[in-house]
Amino acid sequence: MTRVGFYIVENTDADSRTRLALRLTEKAHKQGHRIFINSENEEQARQLDELLWTFRPASFLPHALSCDDAEEQICIGWGQEPKGHDDLLINLQSSVPEFIGRFQRVAELVNQEPARLEALRHSWRHYRERGYALEEHRLPSV
């Protein structure tokens, strides 16, 4: 059964979710996981595409945009069905994607913006009603 972790950043900085996505991706990549980042839209996906090459001066995270290559360890999409990925889903969309059940783990990233908190409540209920194992991780800042 899919495990769902809610990573809750204790600030309203709009970029905090992006920074958290980068940190989680880096950590999961080092542990050998295959990651699909589900962006809110194509613009955010392209921003993440650039940031994954540059966010750490001494390293980069090899990845593909739009997951045309199922062999890539890290893929970034914006609602497309992930090809060849079923390990870790980092969800940046406000809604729960239809394809979450195929993943072993899902990371929902939330900050203290009112709209994000409302989406968090809705997602939490959605997962709980369907019997998913839920975890909560409160982070002071990222």
N, C-alpha and C. Protein backbone atom coordinates (compact mmCIF):
# COMPACT_ATOMS: atom_id res chain seq x y z
N MET A 1 0.85 -1.18 0.00
CA MET A 1 0.00 0.00 0.00
C MET A 1 0.89 1.24 0.00
N THR A 2 0.48 2.24 -0.71
CA THR A 2 1.20 3.50 -0.81
C THR A 2 1.26 4.19 0.55
N ARG A 3 2.44 4.69 0.91
CA ARG A 3 2.61 5.51 2.10
C ARG A 3 2.64 6.96 1.68
N VAL A 4 1.90 7.81 2.38
CA VAL A 4 1.80 9.22 2.03
C VAL A 4 2.37 10.06 3.16
N GLY A 5 3.36 10.88 2.84
CA GLY A 5 3.95 11.79 3.80
C GLY A 5 3.58 13.21 3.47
N PHE A 6 3.08 13.93 4.46
CA PHE A 6 2.77 15.36 4.31
C PHE A 6 3.92 16.14 4.92
N TYR A 7 4.63 16.87 4.08
CA TYR A 7 5.76 17.69 4.51
C TYR A 7 5.25 19.12 4.61
N ILE A 8 5.13 19.60 5.83
CA ILE A 8 4.49 20.88 6.10
C ILE A 8 5.54 21.88 6.54
N VAL A 9 5.76 22.89 5.71
CA VAL A 9 6.73 23.95 6.00
C VAL A 9 6.02 25.03 6.78
N GLU A 10 6.64 25.48 7.85
CA GLU A 10 6.02 26.45 8.76
C GLU A 10 6.26 27.90 8.33
N ASN A 11 6.04 28.20 7.04
CA ASN A 11 6.11 29.58 6.57
C ASN A 11 5.17 29.76 5.38
N THR A 12 5.02 30.98 4.93
CA THR A 12 4.14 31.28 3.80
C THR A 12 4.92 31.62 2.54
N ASP A 13 6.22 31.45 2.56
CA ASP A 13 7.06 31.73 1.41
C ASP A 13 6.69 30.80 0.25
N ALA A 14 6.24 31.37 -0.85
CA ALA A 14 5.78 30.58 -1.99
C ALA A 14 6.88 29.66 -2.54
N ASP A 15 8.14 30.07 -2.45
CA ASP A 15 9.24 29.26 -2.97
C ASP A 15 9.66 28.14 -2.02
N SER A 16 9.13 28.11 -0.81
CA SER A 16 9.54 27.08 0.15
C SER A 16 9.19 25.67 -0.35
N ARG A 17 8.09 25.53 -1.02
CA ARG A 17 7.71 24.22 -1.55
C ARG A 17 8.68 23.76 -2.63
N THR A 18 9.12 24.69 -3.46
CA THR A 18 10.09 24.36 -4.50
C THR A 18 11.41 23.93 -3.87
N ARG A 19 11.88 24.71 -2.88
CA ARG A 19 13.14 24.35 -2.21
C ARG A 19 13.02 22.97 -1.54
N LEU A 20 11.88 22.71 -0.92
CA LEU A 20 11.68 21.41 -0.29
C LEU A 20 11.67 20.29 -1.33
N ALA A 21 11.04 20.51 -2.46
CA ALA A 21 11.03 19.51 -3.52
C ALA A 21 12.45 19.18 -3.97
N LEU A 22 13.28 20.21 -4.10
CA LEU A 22 14.67 20.00 -4.50
C LEU A 22 15.43 19.19 -3.45
N ARG A 23 15.24 19.53 -2.18
CA ARG A 23 15.93 18.80 -1.11
C ARG A 23 15.48 17.34 -1.03
N LEU A 24 14.16 17.12 -1.12
CA LEU A 24 13.67 15.74 -1.07
C LEU A 24 14.14 14.94 -2.27
N THR A 25 14.17 15.58 -3.43
CA THR A 25 14.64 14.90 -4.64
C THR A 25 16.10 14.51 -4.49
N GLU A 26 16.92 15.44 -4.00
CA GLU A 26 18.34 15.15 -3.82
C GLU A 26 18.54 13.99 -2.84
N LYS A 27 17.84 14.02 -1.73
CA LYS A 27 17.98 12.96 -0.72
C LYS A 27 17.53 11.60 -1.29
N ALA A 28 16.39 11.58 -1.95
CA ALA A 28 15.88 10.33 -2.51
C ALA A 28 16.80 9.81 -3.63
N HIS A 29 17.33 10.71 -4.42
CA HIS A 29 18.25 10.32 -5.49
C HIS A 29 19.49 9.64 -4.91
N LYS A 30 20.05 10.22 -3.85
CA LYS A 30 21.23 9.63 -3.21
C LYS A 30 20.93 8.24 -2.65
N GLN A 31 19.68 8.00 -2.28
CA GLN A 31 19.28 6.70 -1.74
C GLN A 31 18.88 5.71 -2.83
N GLY A 32 18.98 6.15 -4.09
CA GLY A 32 18.71 5.26 -5.21
C GLY A 32 17.25 5.16 -5.64
N HIS A 33 16.41 6.04 -5.16
CA HIS A 33 15.00 6.01 -5.54
C HIS A 33 14.78 6.59 -6.93
N ARG A 34 13.70 6.14 -7.56
CA ARG A 34 13.24 6.73 -8.82
C ARG A 34 12.13 7.70 -8.45
N ILE A 35 12.25 8.94 -8.94
CA ILE A 35 11.39 10.03 -8.48
C ILE A 35 10.61 10.63 -9.65
N PHE A 36 9.33 10.85 -9.42
CA PHE A 36 8.51 11.62 -10.35
C PHE A 36 8.03 12.85 -9.61
N ILE A 37 8.38 14.03 -10.12
CA ILE A 37 7.92 15.29 -9.53
C ILE A 37 6.72 15.75 -10.34
N ASN A 38 5.58 15.84 -9.69
CA ASN A 38 4.33 16.26 -10.33
C ASN A 38 4.12 17.74 -10.07
N SER A 39 4.54 18.57 -11.01
CA SER A 39 4.46 20.03 -10.88
C SER A 39 3.04 20.53 -11.07
N GLU A 40 2.81 21.76 -10.61
CA GLU A 40 1.49 22.38 -10.77
C GLU A 40 1.17 22.65 -12.24
N ASN A 41 2.19 23.03 -13.01
CA ASN A 41 1.98 23.38 -14.40
C ASN A 41 3.32 23.30 -15.14
N GLU A 42 3.27 23.55 -16.45
CA GLU A 42 4.49 23.45 -17.25
C GLU A 42 5.52 24.49 -16.84
N GLU A 43 5.09 25.68 -16.48
CA GLU A 43 6.02 26.72 -16.06
C GLU A 43 6.83 26.29 -14.83
N GLN A 44 6.14 25.74 -13.84
CA GLN A 44 6.85 25.28 -12.64
C GLN A 44 7.76 24.10 -12.99
N ALA A 45 7.32 23.23 -13.87
CA ALA A 45 8.15 22.09 -14.28
C ALA A 45 9.44 22.58 -14.93
N ARG A 46 9.33 23.59 -15.77
CA ARG A 46 10.53 24.13 -16.43
C ARG A 46 11.46 24.82 -15.42
N GLN A 47 10.87 25.47 -14.42
CA GLN A 47 11.67 26.08 -13.36
C GLN A 47 12.44 24.99 -12.59
N LEU A 48 11.75 23.91 -12.24
CA LEU A 48 12.41 22.81 -11.55
C LEU A 48 13.48 22.16 -12.42
N ASP A 49 13.19 22.05 -13.71
CA ASP A 49 14.15 21.50 -14.66
C ASP A 49 15.47 22.27 -14.56
N GLU A 50 15.40 23.59 -14.57
CA GLU A 50 16.60 24.43 -14.47
C GLU A 50 17.24 24.31 -13.09
N LEU A 51 16.43 24.35 -12.05
CA LEU A 51 16.97 24.32 -10.69
C LEU A 51 17.66 23.00 -10.35
N LEU A 52 17.19 21.89 -10.89
CA LEU A 52 17.83 20.61 -10.59
C LEU A 52 19.26 20.54 -11.14
N TRP A 53 19.57 21.36 -12.13
CA TRP A 53 20.94 21.42 -12.65
C TRP A 53 21.81 22.38 -11.84
N THR A 54 21.19 23.35 -11.16
CA THR A 54 21.98 24.45 -10.60
C THR A 54 21.83 24.73 -9.11
N PHE A 55 20.90 24.08 -8.41
CA PHE A 55 20.61 24.52 -7.04
C PHE A 55 21.74 24.25 -6.06
N ARG A 56 22.63 23.32 -6.36
CA ARG A 56 23.82 23.10 -5.54
C ARG A 56 25.03 23.37 -6.43
N PRO A 57 25.91 24.27 -6.02
CA PRO A 57 27.06 24.63 -6.86
C PRO A 57 27.95 23.46 -7.23
N ALA A 58 28.12 22.49 -6.34
CA ALA A 58 29.07 21.41 -6.58
C ALA A 58 28.42 20.15 -7.15
N SER A 59 27.12 20.19 -7.43
CA SER A 59 26.48 18.97 -7.94
C SER A 59 25.29 19.32 -8.82
N PHE A 60 24.75 18.30 -9.46
CA PHE A 60 23.52 18.45 -10.21
C PHE A 60 22.77 17.13 -10.13
N LEU A 61 21.50 17.17 -10.40
CA LEU A 61 20.69 15.96 -10.38
C LEU A 61 20.21 15.68 -11.80
N PRO A 62 20.72 14.62 -12.43
CA PRO A 62 20.31 14.31 -13.79
C PRO A 62 18.84 13.93 -13.82
N HIS A 63 18.13 14.45 -14.81
CA HIS A 63 16.68 14.27 -14.85
C HIS A 63 16.17 14.51 -16.27
N ALA A 64 14.88 14.28 -16.44
CA ALA A 64 14.23 14.54 -17.73
C ALA A 64 12.95 15.32 -17.48
N LEU A 65 12.63 16.18 -18.41
CA LEU A 65 11.40 16.95 -18.35
C LEU A 65 10.34 16.22 -19.17
N SER A 66 9.16 16.09 -18.63
CA SER A 66 7.98 15.46 -19.22
C SER A 66 8.07 13.95 -19.38
N CYS A 67 9.09 13.34 -18.86
CA CYS A 67 9.20 11.89 -18.73
C CYS A 67 9.06 11.12 -20.02
N ASP A 68 9.60 11.64 -21.09
CA ASP A 68 9.59 10.88 -22.33
C ASP A 68 10.51 9.68 -22.25
N ASP A 69 11.53 9.77 -21.40
CA ASP A 69 12.48 8.68 -21.23
C ASP A 69 12.22 8.00 -19.89
N ALA A 70 11.59 6.84 -19.93
CA ALA A 70 11.25 6.13 -18.70
C ALA A 70 12.48 5.63 -17.96
N GLU A 71 13.65 5.70 -18.57
CA GLU A 71 14.88 5.24 -17.93
C GLU A 71 15.45 6.25 -16.95
N GLU A 72 15.06 7.50 -17.05
CA GLU A 72 15.58 8.53 -16.16
C GLU A 72 15.18 8.25 -14.71
N GLN A 73 16.13 8.45 -13.79
CA GLN A 73 15.84 8.24 -12.38
C GLN A 73 14.92 9.32 -11.83
N ILE A 74 15.04 10.55 -12.37
CA ILE A 74 14.21 11.67 -11.93
C ILE A 74 13.47 12.22 -13.15
N CYS A 75 12.15 12.29 -13.06
CA CYS A 75 11.34 12.86 -14.13
C CYS A 75 10.46 13.96 -13.55
N ILE A 76 10.23 14.98 -14.36
CA ILE A 76 9.37 16.09 -13.96
C ILE A 76 8.21 16.16 -14.94
N GLY A 77 7.01 16.21 -14.41
CA GLY A 77 5.84 16.35 -15.25
C GLY A 77 4.88 17.35 -14.65
N TRP A 78 3.74 17.51 -15.27
CA TRP A 78 2.72 18.44 -14.77
C TRP A 78 1.34 17.87 -15.02
N GLY A 79 1.16 16.62 -14.57
CA GLY A 79 -0.14 15.98 -14.67
C GLY A 79 -0.17 14.80 -15.63
N GLN A 80 0.89 14.61 -16.40
CA GLN A 80 0.95 13.47 -17.31
C GLN A 80 1.09 12.16 -16.53
N GLU A 81 0.67 11.10 -17.14
CA GLU A 81 0.87 9.78 -16.56
C GLU A 81 2.37 9.51 -16.54
N PRO A 82 2.94 9.19 -15.37
CA PRO A 82 4.38 8.91 -15.30
C PRO A 82 4.72 7.61 -16.03
N LYS A 83 5.74 7.65 -16.85
CA LYS A 83 6.17 6.46 -17.59
C LYS A 83 7.29 5.79 -16.82
N GLY A 84 7.08 4.55 -16.45
CA GLY A 84 8.14 3.78 -15.82
C GLY A 84 8.48 4.17 -14.40
N HIS A 85 7.63 4.96 -13.77
CA HIS A 85 7.90 5.40 -12.39
C HIS A 85 6.80 4.93 -11.47
N ASP A 86 7.24 4.30 -10.35
CA ASP A 86 6.28 3.83 -9.34
C ASP A 86 6.89 3.85 -7.94
N ASP A 87 8.02 4.51 -7.78
CA ASP A 87 8.72 4.52 -6.51
C ASP A 87 8.27 5.71 -5.65
N LEU A 88 8.73 6.93 -5.95
CA LEU A 88 8.41 8.12 -5.16
C LEU A 88 7.76 9.18 -6.03
N LEU A 89 6.62 9.66 -5.60
CA LEU A 89 5.93 10.77 -6.24
C LEU A 89 6.03 11.98 -5.33
N ILE A 90 6.61 13.07 -5.82
CA ILE A 90 6.60 14.34 -5.10
C ILE A 90 5.52 15.18 -5.75
N ASN A 91 4.43 15.41 -5.03
CA ASN A 91 3.27 16.09 -5.60
C ASN A 91 3.26 17.56 -5.21
N LEU A 92 3.36 18.43 -6.22
CA LEU A 92 3.28 19.87 -6.00
C LEU A 92 1.91 20.42 -6.43
N GLN A 93 1.08 19.59 -7.02
CA GLN A 93 -0.25 20.05 -7.40
C GLN A 93 -1.14 20.13 -6.16
N SER A 94 -2.16 20.97 -6.23
CA SER A 94 -3.08 21.12 -5.09
C SER A 94 -4.02 19.94 -4.94
N SER A 95 -4.21 19.20 -6.00
CA SER A 95 -5.13 18.07 -5.95
C SER A 95 -4.36 16.75 -5.94
N VAL A 96 -5.06 15.69 -5.61
CA VAL A 96 -4.47 14.36 -5.57
C VAL A 96 -4.51 13.79 -6.99
N PRO A 97 -3.37 13.44 -7.57
CA PRO A 97 -3.37 12.88 -8.92
C PRO A 97 -4.04 11.50 -8.95
N GLU A 98 -4.65 11.17 -10.07
CA GLU A 98 -5.33 9.89 -10.21
C GLU A 98 -4.37 8.71 -10.14
N PHE A 99 -3.11 8.92 -10.48
CA PHE A 99 -2.15 7.82 -10.58
C PHE A 99 -1.36 7.54 -9.31
N ILE A 100 -1.76 8.11 -8.17
CA ILE A 100 -0.94 7.95 -6.95
C ILE A 100 -0.85 6.50 -6.48
N GLY A 101 -1.87 5.70 -6.72
CA GLY A 101 -1.89 4.33 -6.23
C GLY A 101 -0.78 3.45 -6.77
N ARG A 102 -0.17 3.84 -7.85
CA ARG A 102 0.91 3.02 -8.42
C ARG A 102 2.24 3.26 -7.71
N PHE A 103 2.34 4.32 -6.90
CA PHE A 103 3.59 4.67 -6.24
C PHE A 103 3.71 4.02 -4.86
N GLN A 104 4.94 3.70 -4.47
CA GLN A 104 5.19 3.17 -3.14
C GLN A 104 5.09 4.26 -2.10
N ARG A 105 5.56 5.47 -2.46
CA ARG A 105 5.53 6.60 -1.54
C ARG A 105 5.07 7.85 -2.28
N VAL A 106 4.34 8.69 -1.54
CA VAL A 106 3.92 9.99 -2.06
C VAL A 106 4.33 11.04 -1.04
N ALA A 107 4.92 12.13 -1.53
CA ALA A 107 5.26 13.27 -0.67
C ALA A 107 4.40 14.45 -1.10
N GLU A 108 3.53 14.89 -0.19
CA GLU A 108 2.70 16.07 -0.42
C GLU A 108 3.39 17.24 0.26
N LEU A 109 3.66 18.31 -0.50
CA LEU A 109 4.41 19.45 0.02
C LEU A 109 3.49 20.63 0.23
N VAL A 110 3.47 21.14 1.47
CA VAL A 110 2.52 22.18 1.84
C VAL A 110 3.25 23.25 2.65
N ASN A 111 2.86 24.51 2.45
CA ASN A 111 3.33 25.57 3.34
C ASN A 111 2.10 26.21 4.00
N GLN A 112 2.28 27.33 4.65
CA GLN A 112 1.19 27.91 5.45
C GLN A 112 0.30 28.89 4.67
N GLU A 113 0.41 28.94 3.37
CA GLU A 113 -0.51 29.76 2.58
C GLU A 113 -1.92 29.19 2.76
N PRO A 114 -2.91 30.02 2.98
CA PRO A 114 -4.27 29.53 3.23
C PRO A 114 -4.80 28.55 2.17
N ALA A 115 -4.55 28.83 0.91
CA ALA A 115 -5.02 27.93 -0.15
C ALA A 115 -4.33 26.57 -0.06
N ARG A 116 -3.05 26.58 0.30
CA ARG A 116 -2.31 25.31 0.44
C ARG A 116 -2.82 24.51 1.63
N LEU A 117 -3.11 25.20 2.72
CA LEU A 117 -3.62 24.51 3.90
C LEU A 117 -4.98 23.87 3.62
N GLU A 118 -5.82 24.57 2.88
CA GLU A 118 -7.13 24.00 2.51
C GLU A 118 -6.94 22.77 1.62
N ALA A 119 -6.01 22.85 0.68
CA ALA A 119 -5.72 21.70 -0.19
C ALA A 119 -5.17 20.54 0.64
N LEU A 120 -4.34 20.86 1.64
CA LEU A 120 -3.80 19.83 2.53
C LEU A 120 -4.93 19.09 3.25
N ARG A 121 -5.87 19.84 3.78
CA ARG A 121 -7.00 19.21 4.48
C ARG A 121 -7.79 18.28 3.56
N HIS A 122 -8.05 18.76 2.36
CA HIS A 122 -8.80 17.97 1.40
C HIS A 122 -8.02 16.69 1.04
N SER A 123 -6.73 16.84 0.76
CA SER A 123 -5.90 15.69 0.40
C SER A 123 -5.81 14.69 1.55
N TRP A 124 -5.63 15.21 2.77
CA TRP A 124 -5.54 14.33 3.94
C TRP A 124 -6.81 13.48 4.05
N ARG A 125 -7.96 14.12 3.94
CA ARG A 125 -9.23 13.38 4.00
C ARG A 125 -9.32 12.35 2.87
N HIS A 126 -8.94 12.76 1.67
CA HIS A 126 -8.98 11.86 0.51
C HIS A 126 -8.17 10.60 0.78
N TYR A 127 -6.93 10.77 1.21
CA TYR A 127 -6.06 9.62 1.48
C TYR A 127 -6.58 8.78 2.65
N ARG A 128 -6.99 9.44 3.73
CA ARG A 128 -7.47 8.72 4.91
C ARG A 128 -8.70 7.88 4.58
N GLU A 129 -9.65 8.44 3.84
CA GLU A 129 -10.87 7.72 3.48
C GLU A 129 -10.58 6.49 2.63
N ARG A 130 -9.46 6.49 1.93
CA ARG A 130 -9.10 5.36 1.07
C ARG A 130 -8.12 4.40 1.75
N GLY A 131 -7.79 4.67 3.01
CA GLY A 131 -6.99 3.73 3.79
C GLY A 131 -5.49 3.82 3.61
N TYR A 132 -5.00 4.91 3.04
CA TYR A 132 -3.55 5.05 2.89
C TYR A 132 -2.88 5.29 4.24
N ALA A 133 -1.64 4.81 4.39
CA ALA A 133 -0.84 5.08 5.59
C ALA A 133 -0.34 6.51 5.50
N LEU A 134 -0.67 7.35 6.51
CA LEU A 134 -0.34 8.77 6.48
C LEU A 134 0.73 9.11 7.50
N GLU A 135 1.64 10.01 7.12
CA GLU A 135 2.68 10.51 8.00
C GLU A 135 2.69 12.02 7.90
N GLU A 136 3.01 12.68 9.00
CA GLU A 136 3.11 14.14 9.00
C GLU A 136 4.51 14.54 9.43
N HIS A 137 5.13 15.41 8.64
CA HIS A 137 6.48 15.92 8.92
C HIS A 137 6.42 17.43 8.93
N ARG A 138 6.58 18.03 10.11
CA ARG A 138 6.57 19.51 10.22
C ARG A 138 8.00 20.00 10.16
N LEU A 139 8.24 20.96 9.27
CA LEU A 139 9.57 21.49 9.06
C LEU A 139 9.57 22.98 9.37
N PRO A 140 10.48 23.45 10.23
CA PRO A 140 10.48 24.87 10.59
C PRO A 140 10.74 25.78 9.39
N SER A 141 11.66 25.39 8.50
CA SER A 141 11.95 26.18 7.30
C SER A 141 12.80 25.33 6.37
N VAL A 142 12.85 25.78 5.13
CA VAL A 142 13.70 25.11 4.13
C VAL A 142 14.40 26.16 3.30
